[in-house]
Amino acid sequence: MYCAIIVAAGSARRAGFDKLAAPLGGLPVMCHSVRAFARAGAERIIVVCPPERWNTLKPAEQAGGVPLQRVDGGARRQDSVWAGLCEVPDECEWVAVHDAARPLITPEMIRTCLKSAQQYGAAACAHPVVDTLKRADAQDRTLPGRICRDGLWGMETPQIFRTAMLREAYEHARMCGIELTDEVSAMEEIGVVTQLVRVGENVKITLPGDLERAESLYVTMNNHP
């Protein structure tokens, strides 16, 4: 049994608009993730979001009968994930954590990541870094020095783990006051390594231009089965 936590509690300050309510292919961005996990066989989906977002976007309409529940988020992403983890049933062996701002996730991508997690014990979608990397000062001016890209990956979601192990990692972080950026970081704190999985186009909506790119990719993906 596996469950999904969809993190949709952010205020989208960087985007300047509610990116999770923005239309993409005829559906609000947030609802794409609900539909994908429902079609990928999740046995329960927990959406971490404010009640007004839940009531406005109506994600249950995309759940296809899969049990769906809403929980309030916290001030930080890790607080929101913890709120979702607290609602995962004990009998749920695996849990997938996914950012709702990645609406192009597909059932096939989810299944690929889940299969890897079941094989290696922990898995996360990610992509190798291909851009040239530079450091900059407070005025956005480049600083001298070369940053080697070898072995660098950009992290994505979903990230999938044994439920008990992810709870242990988050409890450790809470007790030690550790700031987390994702679940892989939490697992590293208790000595667990994660298998990285390349699944394809899995963009994150952060700025307005990202939505335009996602729309273009969505059209391409749905015109090529």
Foldseek 3Di string as FASTA:
>chain_A
DEEEEEEQADPLVLAVDSQQQDDAPRARLLLLVLLQVLVLDHQEYEYAYDPVCCVVRVSVVNNVPRHYYYDHADPDSLRRVVRVLVPDDPPHFKYWYAYSQQNVDHSVLVVVQVVQCVVQQKEFEKAQDDDFDFDADPVRHTDDDGDDSVPDIGTHDGIMHGSVLLNVLSVVCVVVVNDDDDSQVSNVVVPDHYHYDYDPDGDGDNYPVSSVVSNVVVVVVVVPD
